[in-house]
Amino acid sequence: MSRRTWWFVLFSVAGLSALAGVAYGVQPQAQGFKNIQVLQDMTPAQIQMQMAAWNVALGVTCFECHVQGDFADETRPLKAVARNMVRMENALNAGPYFSNSNRKADCYMCHQGTRKISTAP
């Protein structure tokens, strides 16, 4: 399976799972995840879909921020960095430039598929 096909399948399954969660009234953080600090309003399926999107937008794997086998573990410093970046993205989207726009700030806007930004925004 090509990488492009794999991502399509991943996003399709995650998207359908998120829709199913909404349709059946799954509560945010219902069952499963621990130590969620900035994605509290998302269902588990939506969180998984967001994590997959970050993998693409930043060119990273899950284990850049998470400890394998213990996703709630706080020992990886990039986890705190990622949370701060999500807070920054949320603040940008609530501000005057993006609040009334169809376009929203996201990781890819600056990172463009790489962990480190190559040029200043």
PDB file of N, CA and C in Angstrom:
ATOM      1  N   MET A   1       0.858  -1.173   0.000  1.00  0.00           N
ATOM      2  CA  MET A   1       0.000   0.000   0.000  1.00  0.00           C
ATOM      3  C   MET A   1       0.903   1.235   0.000  1.00  0.00           C
ATOM      4  N   SER A   2       0.623   2.155  -0.888  1.00  0.00           N
ATOM      5  CA  SER A   2       1.438   3.364  -0.963  1.00  0.00           C
ATOM      6  C   SER A   2       1.190   4.248   0.260  1.00  0.00           C
ATOM      7  N   ARG A   3       2.118   5.134   0.507  1.00  0.00           N
ATOM      8  CA  ARG A   3       1.996   6.028   1.659  1.00  0.00           C
ATOM      9  C   ARG A   3       0.766   6.925   1.527  1.00  0.00           C
ATOM     10  N   ARG A   4       0.514   7.392   0.321  1.00  0.00           N
ATOM     11  CA  ARG A   4      -0.647   8.250   0.088  1.00  0.00           C
ATOM     12  C   ARG A   4      -1.949   7.502   0.367  1.00  0.00           C
ATOM     13  N   THR A   5      -2.034   6.263  -0.095  1.00  0.00           N
ATOM     14  CA  THR A   5      -3.220   5.442   0.145  1.00  0.00           C
ATOM     15  C   THR A   5      -3.387   5.186   1.636  1.00  0.00           C
ATOM     16  N   TRP A   6      -2.275   4.929   2.324  1.00  0.00           N
ATOM     17  CA  TRP A   6      -2.325   4.656   3.757  1.00  0.00           C
ATOM     18  C   TRP A   6      -2.907   5.854   4.500  1.00  0.00           C
ATOM     19  N   TRP A   7      -2.451   7.072   4.176  1.00  0.00           N
ATOM     20  CA  TRP A   7      -2.967   8.268   4.838  1.00  0.00           C
ATOM     21  C   TRP A   7      -4.443   8.464   4.529  1.00  0.00           C
ATOM     22  N   PHE A   8      -4.842   8.208   3.286  1.00  0.00           N
ATOM     23  CA  PHE A   8      -6.246   8.342   2.918  1.00  0.00           C
ATOM     24  C   PHE A   8      -7.111   7.394   3.753  1.00  0.00           C
ATOM     25  N   VAL A   9      -6.669   6.154   3.874  1.00  0.00           N
ATOM     26  CA  VAL A   9      -7.416   5.168   4.659  1.00  0.00           C
ATOM     27  C   VAL A   9      -7.471   5.603   6.124  1.00  0.00           C
ATOM     28  N   LEU A  10      -6.332   6.045   6.649  1.00  0.00           N
ATOM     29  CA  LEU A  10      -6.279   6.472   8.049  1.00  0.00           C
ATOM     30  C   LEU A  10      -7.257   7.610   8.322  1.00  0.00           C
ATOM     31  N   PHE A  11      -7.219   8.663   7.495  1.00  0.00           N
ATOM     32  CA  PHE A  11      -8.109   9.792   7.692  1.00  0.00           C
ATOM     33  C   PHE A  11      -9.566   9.411   7.468  1.00  0.00           C
ATOM     34  N   SER A  12      -9.828   8.527   6.528  1.00  0.00           N
ATOM     35  CA  SER A  12     -11.205   8.096   6.272  1.00  0.00           C
ATOM     36  C   SER A  12     -11.775   7.359   7.470  1.00  0.00           C
ATOM     37  N   VAL A  13     -11.009   6.414   7.997  1.00  0.00           N
ATOM     38  CA  VAL A  13     -11.474   5.635   9.155  1.00  0.00           C
ATOM     39  C   VAL A  13     -11.631   6.545  10.366  1.00  0.00           C
ATOM     40  N   ALA A  14     -10.649   7.408  10.600  1.00  0.00           N
ATOM     41  CA  ALA A  14     -10.730   8.310  11.747  1.00  0.00           C
ATOM     42  C   ALA A  14     -11.908   9.273  11.601  1.00  0.00           C
ATOM     43  N   GLY A  15     -12.110   9.782  10.399  1.00  0.00           N
ATOM     44  CA  GLY A  15     -13.222  10.695  10.161  1.00  0.00           C
ATOM     45  C   GLY A  15     -14.572  10.032  10.375  1.00  0.00           C
ATOM     46  N   LEU A  16     -14.722   8.820   9.853  1.00  0.00           N
ATOM     47  CA  LEU A  16     -15.976   8.091  10.042  1.00  0.00           C
ATOM     48  C   LEU A  16     -16.194   7.759  11.511  1.00  0.00           C
ATOM     49  N   SER A  17     -15.113   7.414  12.207  1.00  0.00           N
ATOM     50  CA  SER A  17     -15.225   7.132  13.639  1.00  0.00           C
ATOM     51  C   SER A  17     -15.670   8.372  14.398  1.00  0.00           C
ATOM     52  N   ALA A  18     -15.113   9.526  14.027  1.00  0.00           N
ATOM     53  CA  ALA A  18     -15.503  10.771  14.696  1.00  0.00           C
ATOM     54  C   ALA A  18     -16.963  11.090  14.439  1.00  0.00           C
ATOM     55  N   LEU A  19     -17.396  10.906  13.202  1.00  0.00           N
ATOM     56  CA  LEU A  19     -18.804  11.150  12.877  1.00  0.00           C
ATOM     57  C   LEU A  19     -19.719  10.194  13.627  1.00  0.00           C
ATOM     58  N   ALA A  20     -19.309   8.942  13.726  1.00  0.00           N
ATOM     59  CA  ALA A  20     -20.114   7.963  14.458  1.00  0.00           C
ATOM     60  C   ALA A  20     -20.213   8.356  15.928  1.00  0.00           C
ATOM     61  N   GLY A  21     -19.110   8.850  16.494  1.00  0.00           N
ATOM     62  CA  GLY A  21     -19.126   9.291  17.883  1.00  0.00           C
ATOM     63  C   GLY A  21     -20.097  10.427  18.106  1.00  0.00           C
ATOM     64  N   VAL A  22     -20.126  11.381  17.190  1.00  0.00           N
ATOM     65  CA  VAL A  22     -21.059  12.501  17.295  1.00  0.00           C
ATOM     66  C   VAL A  22     -22.493  12.004  17.141  1.00  0.00           C
ATOM     67  N   ALA A  23     -22.719  11.126  16.164  1.00  0.00           N
ATOM     68  CA  ALA A  23     -24.065  10.628  15.895  1.00  0.00           C
ATOM     69  C   ALA A  23     -24.627   9.837  17.074  1.00  0.00           C
ATOM     70  N   TYR A  24     -23.762   9.118  17.778  1.00  0.00           N
ATOM     71  CA  TYR A  24     -24.240   8.298  18.885  1.00  0.00           C
ATOM     72  C   TYR A  24     -24.050   8.976  20.238  1.00  0.00           C
ATOM     73  N   GLY A  25     -23.704  10.251  20.215  1.00  0.00           N
ATOM     74  CA  GLY A  25     -23.638  11.018  21.458  1.00  0.00           C
ATOM     75  C   GLY A  25     -22.468  10.669  22.346  1.00  0.00           C
ATOM     76  N   VAL A  26     -21.354  10.225  21.781  1.00  0.00           N
ATOM     77  CA  VAL A  26     -20.181   9.922  22.595  1.00  0.00           C
ATOM     78  C   VAL A  26     -19.684  11.211  23.220  1.00  0.00           C
ATOM     79  N   GLN A  27     -19.479  11.187  24.491  1.00  0.00           N
ATOM     80  CA  GLN A  27     -19.025  12.373  25.200  1.00  0.00           C
ATOM     81  C   GLN A  27     -17.527  12.573  24.996  1.00  0.00           C
ATOM     82  N   PRO A  28     -17.076  13.825  24.973  1.00  0.00           N
ATOM     83  CA  PRO A  28     -15.641  14.061  24.902  1.00  0.00           C
ATOM     84  C   PRO A  28     -14.914  13.324  26.009  1.00  0.00           C
ATOM     85  N   GLN A  29     -13.780  12.781  25.662  1.00  0.00           N
ATOM     86  CA  GLN A  29     -12.937  11.996  26.556  1.00  0.00           C
ATOM     87  C   GLN A  29     -13.646  10.779  27.116  1.00  0.00           C
ATOM     88  N   ALA A  30     -14.717  10.349  26.477  1.00  0.00           N
ATOM     89  CA  ALA A  30     -15.392   9.145  26.951  1.00  0.00           C
ATOM     90  C   ALA A  30     -14.492   7.956  26.683  1.00  0.00           C
ATOM     91  N   GLN A  31     -14.187   7.215  27.676  1.00  0.00           N
ATOM     92  CA  GLN A  31     -13.416   5.982  27.566  1.00  0.00           C
ATOM     93  C   GLN A  31     -12.010   6.171  27.009  1.00  0.00           C
ATOM     94  N   GLY A  32     -11.077   5.926  27.809  1.00  0.00           N
ATOM     95  CA  GLY A  32      -9.763   5.722  27.267  1.00  0.00           C
ATOM     96  C   GLY A  32      -8.644   6.668  27.606  1.00  0.00           C
ATOM     97  N   PHE A  33      -8.637   7.854  27.094  1.00  0.00           N
ATOM     98  CA  PHE A  33      -7.451   8.696  27.183  1.00  0.00           C
ATOM     99  C   PHE A  33      -7.290   9.312  28.567  1.00  0.00           C
ATOM    100  N   LYS A  34      -6.024   9.449  28.963  1.00  0.00           N
ATOM    101  CA  LYS A  34      -5.696  10.072  30.242  1.00  0.00           C
ATOM    102  C   LYS A  34      -4.836  11.295  29.971  1.00  0.00           C
ATOM    103  N   ASN A  35      -4.864  12.238  30.870  1.00  0.00           N
ATOM    104  CA  ASN A  35      -3.977  13.394  30.826  1.00  0.00           C
ATOM    105  C   ASN A  35      -4.204  14.283  29.602  1.00  0.00           C
ATOM    106  N   ILE A  36      -5.446  14.414  29.166  1.00  0.00           N
ATOM    107  CA  ILE A  36      -5.773  15.310  28.056  1.00  0.00           C
ATOM    108  C   ILE A  36      -5.881  16.720  28.634  1.00  0.00           C
ATOM    109  N   GLN A  37      -5.080  17.649  28.109  1.00  0.00           N
ATOM    110  CA  GLN A  37      -5.063  19.000  28.675  1.00  0.00           C
ATOM    111  C   GLN A  37      -5.559  20.077  27.716  1.00  0.00           C
ATOM    112  N   VAL A  38      -5.343  19.932  26.411  1.00  0.00           N
ATOM    113  CA  VAL A  38      -5.772  20.987  25.490  1.00  0.00           C
ATOM    114  C   VAL A  38      -6.808  20.527  24.472  1.00  0.00           C
ATOM    115  N   LEU A  39      -7.160  19.275  24.471  1.00  0.00           N
ATOM    116  CA  LEU A  39      -8.150  18.752  23.517  1.00  0.00           C
ATOM    117  C   LEU A  39      -9.376  18.208  24.242  1.00  0.00           C
ATOM    118  N   GLN A  40      -9.751  18.843  25.348  1.00  0.00           N
ATOM    119  CA  GLN A  40     -10.839  18.334  26.185  1.00  0.00           C
ATOM    120  C   GLN A  40     -12.182  18.247  25.480  1.00  0.00           C
ATOM    121  N   ASP A  41     -12.416  19.075  24.494  1.00  0.00           N
ATOM    122  CA  ASP A  41     -13.724  19.098  23.846  1.00  0.00           C
ATOM    123  C   ASP A  41     -13.836  18.104  22.693  1.00  0.00           C
ATOM    124  N   MET A  42     -12.857  17.216  22.544  1.00  0.00           N
ATOM    125  CA  MET A  42     -12.869  16.248  21.442  1.00  0.00           C
ATOM    126  C   MET A  42     -13.167  14.844  21.944  1.00  0.00           C
ATOM    127  N   THR A  43     -13.791  14.058  21.080  1.00  0.00           N
ATOM    128  CA  THR A  43     -14.004  12.643  21.378  1.00  0.00           C
ATOM    129  C   THR A  43     -12.694  11.904  21.126  1.00  0.00           C
ATOM    130  N   PRO A  44     -12.549  10.674  21.627  1.00  0.00           N
ATOM    131  CA  PRO A  44     -11.336   9.900  21.350  1.00  0.00           C
ATOM    132  C   PRO A  44     -11.050   9.761  19.851  1.00  0.00           C
ATOM    133  N   ALA A  45     -12.060   9.545  19.044  1.00  0.00           N
ATOM    134  CA  ALA A  45     -11.849   9.417  17.594  1.00  0.00           C
ATOM    135  C   ALA A  45     -11.352  10.731  17.005  1.00  0.00           C
ATOM    136  N   GLN A  46     -11.877  11.845  17.470  1.00  0.00           N
ATOM    137  CA  GLN A  46     -11.428  13.148  16.976  1.00  0.00           C
ATOM    138  C   GLN A  46      -9.992  13.430  17.403  1.00  0.00           C
ATOM    139  N   ILE A  47      -9.635  13.018  18.611  1.00  0.00           N
ATOM    140  CA  ILE A  47      -8.260  13.194  19.087  1.00  0.00           C
ATOM    141  C   ILE A  47      -7.303  12.375  18.217  1.00  0.00           C
ATOM    142  N   GLN A  48      -7.647  11.139  17.923  1.00  0.00           N
ATOM    143  CA  GLN A  48      -6.800  10.307  17.072  1.00  0.00           C
ATOM    144  C   GLN A  48      -6.646  10.921  15.683  1.00  0.00           C
ATOM    145  N   MET A  49      -7.724  11.458  15.143  1.00  0.00           N
ATOM    146  CA  MET A  49      -7.659  12.087  13.835  1.00  0.00           C
ATOM    147  C   MET A  49      -6.763  13.330  13.886  1.00  0.00           C
ATOM    148  N   GLN A  50      -6.852  14.103  14.949  1.00  0.00           N
ATOM    149  CA  GLN A  50      -6.002  15.282  15.094  1.00  0.00           C
ATOM    150  C   GLN A  50      -4.538  14.887  15.208  1.00  0.00           C
ATOM    151  N   MET A  51      -4.245  13.847  15.974  1.00  0.00           N
ATOM    152  CA  MET A  51      -2.860  13.381  16.106  1.00  0.00           C
ATOM    153  C   MET A  51      -2.300  12.947  14.752  1.00  0.00           C
ATOM    154  N   ALA A  52      -3.100  12.257  13.965  1.00  0.00           N
ATOM    155  CA  ALA A  52      -2.658  11.839  12.626  1.00  0.00           C
ATOM    156  C   ALA A  52      -2.392  13.052  11.737  1.00  0.00           C
ATOM    157  N   ALA A  53      -3.211  14.076  11.852  1.00  0.00           N
ATOM    158  CA  ALA A  53      -3.009  15.300  11.075  1.00  0.00           C
ATOM    159  C   ALA A  53      -1.705  15.978  11.491  1.00  0.00           C
ATOM    160  N   TRP A  54      -1.398  15.977  12.786  1.00  0.00           N
ATOM    161  CA  TRP A  54      -0.143  16.567  13.248  1.00  0.00           C
ATOM    162  C   TRP A  54       1.054  15.783  12.732  1.00  0.00           C
ATOM    163  N   ASN A  55       0.920  14.468  12.656  1.00  0.00           N
ATOM    164  CA  ASN A  55       2.015  13.657  12.106  1.00  0.00           C
ATOM    165  C   ASN A  55       2.378  14.136  10.705  1.00  0.00           C
ATOM    166  N   VAL A  56       1.374  14.421   9.896  1.00  0.00           N
ATOM    167  CA  VAL A  56       1.601  14.882   8.529  1.00  0.00           C
ATOM    168  C   VAL A  56       2.101  16.326   8.514  1.00  0.00           C
ATOM    169  N   ALA A  57       1.444  17.199   9.250  1.00  0.00           N
ATOM    170  CA  ALA A  57       1.779  18.626   9.233  1.00  0.00           C
ATOM    171  C   ALA A  57       3.178  18.906   9.755  1.00  0.00           C
ATOM    172  N   LEU A  58       3.650  18.064  10.673  1.00  0.00           N
ATOM    173  CA  LEU A  58       4.945  18.296  11.308  1.00  0.00           C
ATOM    174  C   LEU A  58       6.015  17.304  10.876  1.00  0.00           C
ATOM    175  N   GLY A  59       5.639  16.282  10.120  1.00  0.00           N
ATOM    176  CA  GLY A  59       6.614  15.288   9.698  1.00  0.00           C
ATOM    177  C   GLY A  59       7.210  14.514  10.860  1.00  0.00           C
ATOM    178  N   VAL A  60       6.385  14.199  11.851  1.00  0.00           N
ATOM    179  CA  VAL A  60       6.860  13.497  13.049  1.00  0.00           C
ATOM    180  C   VAL A  60       6.080  12.199  13.251  1.00  0.00           C
ATOM    181  N   THR A  61       6.544  11.400  14.193  1.00  0.00           N
ATOM    182  CA  THR A  61       5.808  10.211  14.612  1.00  0.00           C
ATOM    183  C   THR A  61       5.202  10.487  15.984  1.00  0.00           C
ATOM    184  N   CYS A  62       4.382   9.581  16.439  1.00  0.00           N
ATOM    185  CA  CYS A  62       3.732   9.735  17.747  1.00  0.00           C
ATOM    186  C   CYS A  62       4.758   9.859  18.873  1.00  0.00           C
ATOM    187  N   PHE A  63       5.891   9.173  18.695  1.00  0.00           N
ATOM    188  CA  PHE A  63       6.838   9.058  19.798  1.00  0.00           C
ATOM    189  C   PHE A  63       7.817  10.220  19.888  1.00  0.00           C
ATOM    190  N   GLU A  64       7.578  11.271  19.122  1.00  0.00           N
ATOM    191  CA  GLU A  64       8.298  12.523  19.332  1.00  0.00           C
ATOM    192  C   GLU A  64       7.804  13.150  20.636  1.00  0.00           C
ATOM    193  N   CYS A  65       6.505  13.020  20.902  1.00  0.00           N
ATOM    194  CA  CYS A  65       5.890  13.609  22.097  1.00  0.00           C
ATOM    195  C   CYS A  65       5.509  12.568  23.141  1.00  0.00           C
ATOM    196  N   HIS A  66       5.169  11.359  22.691  1.00  0.00           N
ATOM    197  CA  HIS A  66       4.647  10.334  23.593  1.00  0.00           C
ATOM    198  C   HIS A  66       5.659   9.230  23.856  1.00  0.00           C
ATOM    199  N   VAL A  67       5.559   8.642  25.050  1.00  0.00           N
ATOM    200  CA  VAL A  67       6.344   7.470  25.404  1.00  0.00           C
ATOM    201  C   VAL A  67       5.555   6.252  24.954  1.00  0.00           C
ATOM    202  N   GLN A  68       6.202   5.370  24.196  1.00  0.00           N
ATOM    203  CA  GLN A  68       5.509   4.187  23.695  1.00  0.00           C
ATOM    204  C   GLN A  68       5.001   3.351  24.863  1.00  0.00           C
ATOM    205  N   GLY A  69       3.722   3.030  24.810  1.00  0.00           N
ATOM    206  CA  GLY A  69       3.102   2.223  25.858  1.00  0.00           C
ATOM    207  C   GLY A  69       2.505   3.043  26.999  1.00  0.00           C
ATOM    208  N   ASP A  70       2.839   4.324  27.092  1.00  0.00           N
ATOM    209  CA  ASP A  70       2.292   5.181  28.149  1.00  0.00           C
ATOM    210  C   ASP A  70       2.115   6.600  27.598  1.00  0.00           C
ATOM    211  N   PHE A  71       1.035   6.793  26.873  1.00  0.00           N
ATOM    212  CA  PHE A  71       0.802   8.068  26.209  1.00  0.00           C
ATOM    213  C   PHE A  71       0.558   9.210  27.198  1.00  0.00           C
ATOM    214  N   ALA A  72       0.202   8.904  28.446  1.00  0.00           N
ATOM    215  CA  ALA A  72      -0.028   9.951  29.447  1.00  0.00           C
ATOM    216  C   ALA A  72       1.269  10.436  30.085  1.00  0.00           C
ATOM    217  N   ASP A  73       2.366   9.721  29.883  1.00  0.00           N
ATOM    218  CA  ASP A  73       3.661  10.069  30.467  1.00  0.00           C
ATOM    219  C   ASP A  73       4.091  11.479  30.043  1.00  0.00           C
ATOM    220  N   GLU A  74       4.695  12.214  30.963  1.00  0.00           N
ATOM    221  CA  GLU A  74       5.082  13.606  30.731  1.00  0.00           C
ATOM    222  C   GLU A  74       6.590  13.808  30.556  1.00  0.00           C
ATOM    223  N   THR A  75       7.361  12.753  30.319  1.00  0.00           N
ATOM    224  CA  THR A  75       8.818  12.900  30.290  1.00  0.00           C
ATOM    225  C   THR A  75       9.372  13.482  28.999  1.00  0.00           C
ATOM    226  N   ARG A  76       8.641  13.479  27.925  1.00  0.00           N
ATOM    227  CA  ARG A  76       9.142  14.033  26.655  1.00  0.00           C
ATOM    228  C   ARG A  76       8.875  15.546  26.616  1.00  0.00           C
ATOM    229  N   PRO A  77       9.936  16.352  26.501  1.00  0.00           N
ATOM    230  CA  PRO A  77       9.763  17.810  26.523  1.00  0.00           C
ATOM    231  C   PRO A  77       8.914  18.349  25.366  1.00  0.00           C
ATOM    232  N   LEU A  78       8.914  17.665  24.222  1.00  0.00           N
ATOM    233  CA  LEU A  78       8.139  18.162  23.085  1.00  0.00           C
ATOM    234  C   LEU A  78       6.633  18.113  23.328  1.00  0.00           C
ATOM    235  N   LYS A  79       6.204  17.325  24.302  1.00  0.00           N
ATOM    236  CA  LYS A  79       4.776  17.271  24.619  1.00  0.00           C
ATOM    237  C   LYS A  79       4.294  18.631  25.135  1.00  0.00           C
ATOM    238  N   ALA A  80       5.086  19.245  25.988  1.00  0.00           N
ATOM    239  CA  ALA A  80       4.737  20.576  26.504  1.00  0.00           C
ATOM    240  C   ALA A  80       4.803  21.614  25.389  1.00  0.00           C
ATOM    241  N   VAL A  81       5.786  21.494  24.517  1.00  0.00           N
ATOM    242  CA  VAL A  81       5.902  22.408  23.381  1.00  0.00           C
ATOM    243  C   VAL A  81       4.665  22.286  22.497  1.00  0.00           C
ATOM    244  N   ALA A  82       4.245  21.051  22.224  1.00  0.00           N
ATOM    245  CA  ALA A  82       3.068  20.820  21.374  1.00  0.00           C
ATOM    246  C   ALA A  82       1.821  21.441  21.998  1.00  0.00           C
ATOM    247  N   ARG A  83       1.655  21.293  23.303  1.00  0.00           N
ATOM    248  CA  ARG A  83       0.494  21.890  23.970  1.00  0.00           C
ATOM    249  C   ARG A  83       0.505  23.408  23.832  1.00  0.00           C
ATOM    250  N   ASN A  84       1.671  24.008  23.994  1.00  0.00           N
ATOM    251  CA  ASN A  84       1.760  25.459  23.844  1.00  0.00           C
ATOM    252  C   ASN A  84       1.465  25.891  22.413  1.00  0.00           C
ATOM    253  N   MET A  85       1.885  25.101  21.451  1.00  0.00           N
ATOM    254  CA  MET A  85       1.592  25.422  20.050  1.00  0.00           C
ATOM    255  C   MET A  85       0.087  25.323  19.779  1.00  0.00           C
ATOM    256  N   VAL A  86      -0.578  24.347  20.379  1.00  0.00           N
ATOM    257  CA  VAL A  86      -2.029  24.226  20.211  1.00  0.00           C
ATOM    258  C   VAL A  86      -2.719  25.438  20.833  1.00  0.00           C
ATOM    259  N   ARG A  87      -2.254  25.862  21.986  1.00  0.00           N
ATOM    260  CA  ARG A  87      -2.827  27.065  22.615  1.00  0.00           C
ATOM    261  C   ARG A  87      -2.624  28.288  21.720  1.00  0.00           C
ATOM    262  N   MET A  88      -1.432  28.397  21.105  1.00  0.00           N
ATOM    263  CA  MET A  88      -1.164  29.512  20.199  1.00  0.00           C
ATOM    264  C   MET A  88      -2.092  29.452  18.986  1.00  0.00           C
ATOM    265  N   GLU A  89      -2.260  28.263  18.418  1.00  0.00           N
ATOM    266  CA  GLU A  89      -3.157  28.087  17.267  1.00  0.00           C
ATOM    267  C   GLU A  89      -4.586  28.483  17.631  1.00  0.00           C
ATOM    268  N   ASN A  90      -5.044  28.060  18.794  1.00  0.00           N
ATOM    269  CA  ASN A  90      -6.395  28.414  19.240  1.00  0.00           C
ATOM    270  C   ASN A  90      -6.547  29.925  19.416  1.00  0.00           C
ATOM    271  N   ALA A  91      -5.519  30.570  19.967  1.00  0.00           N
ATOM    272  CA  ALA A  91      -5.565  32.024  20.149  1.00  0.00           C
ATOM    273  C   ALA A  91      -5.583  32.737  18.793  1.00  0.00           C
ATOM    274  N   LEU A  92      -4.779  32.259  17.854  1.00  0.00           N
ATOM    275  CA  LEU A  92      -4.785  32.850  16.509  1.00  0.00           C
ATOM    276  C   LEU A  92      -6.155  32.724  15.860  1.00  0.00           C
ATOM    277  N   ASN A  93      -6.756  31.551  15.976  1.00  0.00           N
ATOM    278  CA  ASN A  93      -8.056  31.325  15.349  1.00  0.00           C
ATOM    279  C   ASN A  93      -9.181  32.107  16.013  1.00  0.00           C
ATOM    280  N   ALA A  94      -8.991  32.493  17.260  1.00  0.00           N
ATOM    281  CA  ALA A  94      -9.992  33.306  17.950  1.00  0.00           C
ATOM    282  C   ALA A  94      -9.783  34.799  17.697  1.00  0.00           C
ATOM    283  N   GLY A  95      -8.622  35.162  17.165  1.00  0.00           N
ATOM    284  CA  GLY A  95      -8.278  36.565  16.937  1.00  0.00           C
ATOM    285  C   GLY A  95      -8.908  37.122  15.677  1.00  0.00           C
ATOM    286  N   PRO A  96      -8.624  38.391  15.400  1.00  0.00           N
ATOM    287  CA  PRO A  96      -9.290  39.091  14.294  1.00  0.00           C
ATOM    288  C   PRO A  96      -8.954  38.575  12.900  1.00  0.00           C
ATOM    289  N   TYR A  97      -7.793  37.973  12.713  1.00  0.00           N
ATOM    290  CA  TYR A  97      -7.401  37.550  11.365  1.00  0.00           C
ATOM    291  C   TYR A  97      -8.106  36.281  10.905  1.00  0.00           C
ATOM    292  N   PHE A  98      -8.454  35.405  11.844  1.00  0.00           N
ATOM    293  CA  PHE A  98      -9.015  34.117  11.459  1.00  0.00           C
ATOM    294  C   PHE A  98     -10.418  33.860  11.981  1.00  0.00           C
ATOM    295  N   SER A  99     -10.899  34.629  12.949  1.00  0.00           N
ATOM    296  CA  SER A  99     -12.188  34.324  13.574  1.00  0.00           C
ATOM    297  C   SER A  99     -13.358  34.398  12.600  1.00  0.00           C
ATOM    298  N   ASN A 100     -13.295  35.271  11.613  1.00  0.00           N
ATOM    299  CA  ASN A 100     -14.388  35.399  10.648  1.00  0.00           C
ATOM    300  C   ASN A 100     -14.008  34.874   9.267  1.00  0.00           C
ATOM    301  N   SER A 101     -13.104  33.942   9.235  1.00  0.00           N
ATOM    302  CA  SER A 101     -12.582  33.452   7.968  1.00  0.00           C
ATOM    303  C   SER A 101     -12.847  31.955   7.817  1.00  0.00           C
ATOM    304  N   ASN A 102     -12.926  31.510   6.586  1.00  0.00           N
ATOM    305  CA  ASN A 102     -13.006  30.072   6.338  1.00  0.00           C
ATOM    306  C   ASN A 102     -11.654  29.417   6.571  1.00  0.00           C
ATOM    307  N   ARG A 103     -10.589  30.169   6.408  1.00  0.00           N
ATOM    308  CA  ARG A 103      -9.230  29.667   6.619  1.00  0.00           C
ATOM    309  C   ARG A 103      -8.905  29.759   8.094  1.00  0.00           C
ATOM    310  N   LYS A 104      -8.311  28.732   8.632  1.00  0.00           N
ATOM    311  CA  LYS A 104      -7.905  28.722  10.027  1.00  0.00           C
ATOM    312  C   LYS A 104      -6.410  28.461  10.127  1.00  0.00           C
ATOM    313  N   ALA A 105      -5.791  29.021  11.155  1.00  0.00           N
ATOM    314  CA  ALA A 105      -4.383  28.739  11.412  1.00  0.00           C
ATOM    315  C   ALA A 105      -4.249  27.276  11.810  1.00  0.00           C
ATOM    316  N   ASP A 106      -3.221  26.642  11.302  1.00  0.00           N
ATOM    317  CA  ASP A 106      -2.935  25.265  11.686  1.00  0.00           C
ATOM    318  C   ASP A 106      -1.426  25.050  11.655  1.00  0.00           C
ATOM    319  N   CYS A 107      -0.977  23.901  12.071  1.00  0.00           N
ATOM    320  CA  CYS A 107       0.458  23.618  12.143  1.00  0.00           C
ATOM    321  C   CYS A 107       1.129  23.717  10.777  1.00  0.00           C
ATOM    322  N   TYR A 108       0.444  23.207   9.766  1.00  0.00           N
ATOM    323  CA  TYR A 108       1.042  23.168   8.436  1.00  0.00           C
ATOM    324  C   TYR A 108       1.317  24.571   7.885  1.00  0.00           C
ATOM    325  N   MET A 109       0.551  25.539   8.317  1.00  0.00           N
ATOM    326  CA  MET A 109       0.701  26.906   7.825  1.00  0.00           C
ATOM    327  C   MET A 109       2.148  27.389   7.990  1.00  0.00           C
ATOM    328  N   CYS A 110       2.795  27.035   9.068  1.00  0.00           N
ATOM    329  CA  CYS A 110       4.185  27.442   9.296  1.00  0.00           C
ATOM    330  C   CYS A 110       5.175  26.289   9.104  1.00  0.00           C
ATOM    331  N   HIS A 111       4.805  25.116   9.580  1.00  0.00           N
ATOM    332  CA  HIS A 111       5.749  23.993   9.569  1.00  0.00           C
ATOM    333  C   HIS A 111       5.892  23.329   8.202  1.00  0.00           C
ATOM    334  N   GLN A 112       4.859  23.279   7.434  1.00  0.00           N
ATOM    335  CA  GLN A 112       4.854  22.724   6.082  1.00  0.00           C
ATOM    336  C   GLN A 112       5.514  21.340   6.003  1.00  0.00           C
ATOM    337  N   GLY A 113       5.112  20.475   6.942  1.00  0.00           N
ATOM    338  CA  GLY A 113       5.562  19.090   6.910  1.00  0.00           C
ATOM    339  C   GLY A 113       6.888  18.821   7.571  1.00  0.00           C
ATOM    340  N   THR A 114       7.473  19.818   8.240  1.00  0.00           N
ATOM    341  CA  THR A 114       8.743  19.604   8.922  1.00  0.00           C
ATOM    342  C   THR A 114       8.625  19.992  10.399  1.00  0.00           C
ATOM    343  N   ARG A 115       9.410  19.331  11.223  1.00  0.00           N
ATOM    344  CA  ARG A 115       9.339  19.586  12.660  1.00  0.00           C
ATOM    345  C   ARG A 115       9.778  20.998  13.012  1.00  0.00           C
ATOM    346  N   LYS A 116      10.830  21.481  12.346  1.00  0.00           N
ATOM    347  CA  LYS A 116      11.320  22.823  12.601  1.00  0.00           C
ATOM    348  C   LYS A 116      10.955  23.734  11.445  1.00  0.00           C
ATOM    349  N   ILE A 117      10.560  24.950  11.756  1.00  0.00           N
ATOM    350  CA  ILE A 117      10.198  25.915  10.732  1.00  0.00           C
ATOM    351  C   ILE A 117      11.483  26.369  10.025  1.00  0.00           C
ATOM    352  N   SER A 118      11.484  26.299   8.701  1.00  0.00           N
ATOM    353  CA  SER A 118      12.712  26.645   7.965  1.00  0.00           C
ATOM    354  C   SER A 118      12.859  28.148   7.746  1.00  0.00           C
ATOM    355  N   THR A 119      11.757  28.874   7.688  1.00  0.00           N
ATOM    356  CA  THR A 119      11.818  30.331   7.515  1.00  0.00           C
ATOM    357  C   THR A 119      10.846  30.982   8.464  1.00  0.00           C
ATOM    358  N   ALA A 120      11.082  32.236   8.740  1.00  0.00           N
ATOM    359  CA  ALA A 120      10.180  32.978   9.631  1.00  0.00           C
ATOM    360  C   ALA A 120       8.845  33.183   8.929  1.00  0.00           C
ATOM    361  N   PRO A 121       7.724  33.055   9.661  1.00  0.00           N
ATOM    362  CA  PRO A 121       6.407  33.253   9.027  1.00  0.00           C
ATOM    363  C   PRO A 121       6.196  34.673   8.545  1.00  0.00           C
TER     364      PRO A 121
END
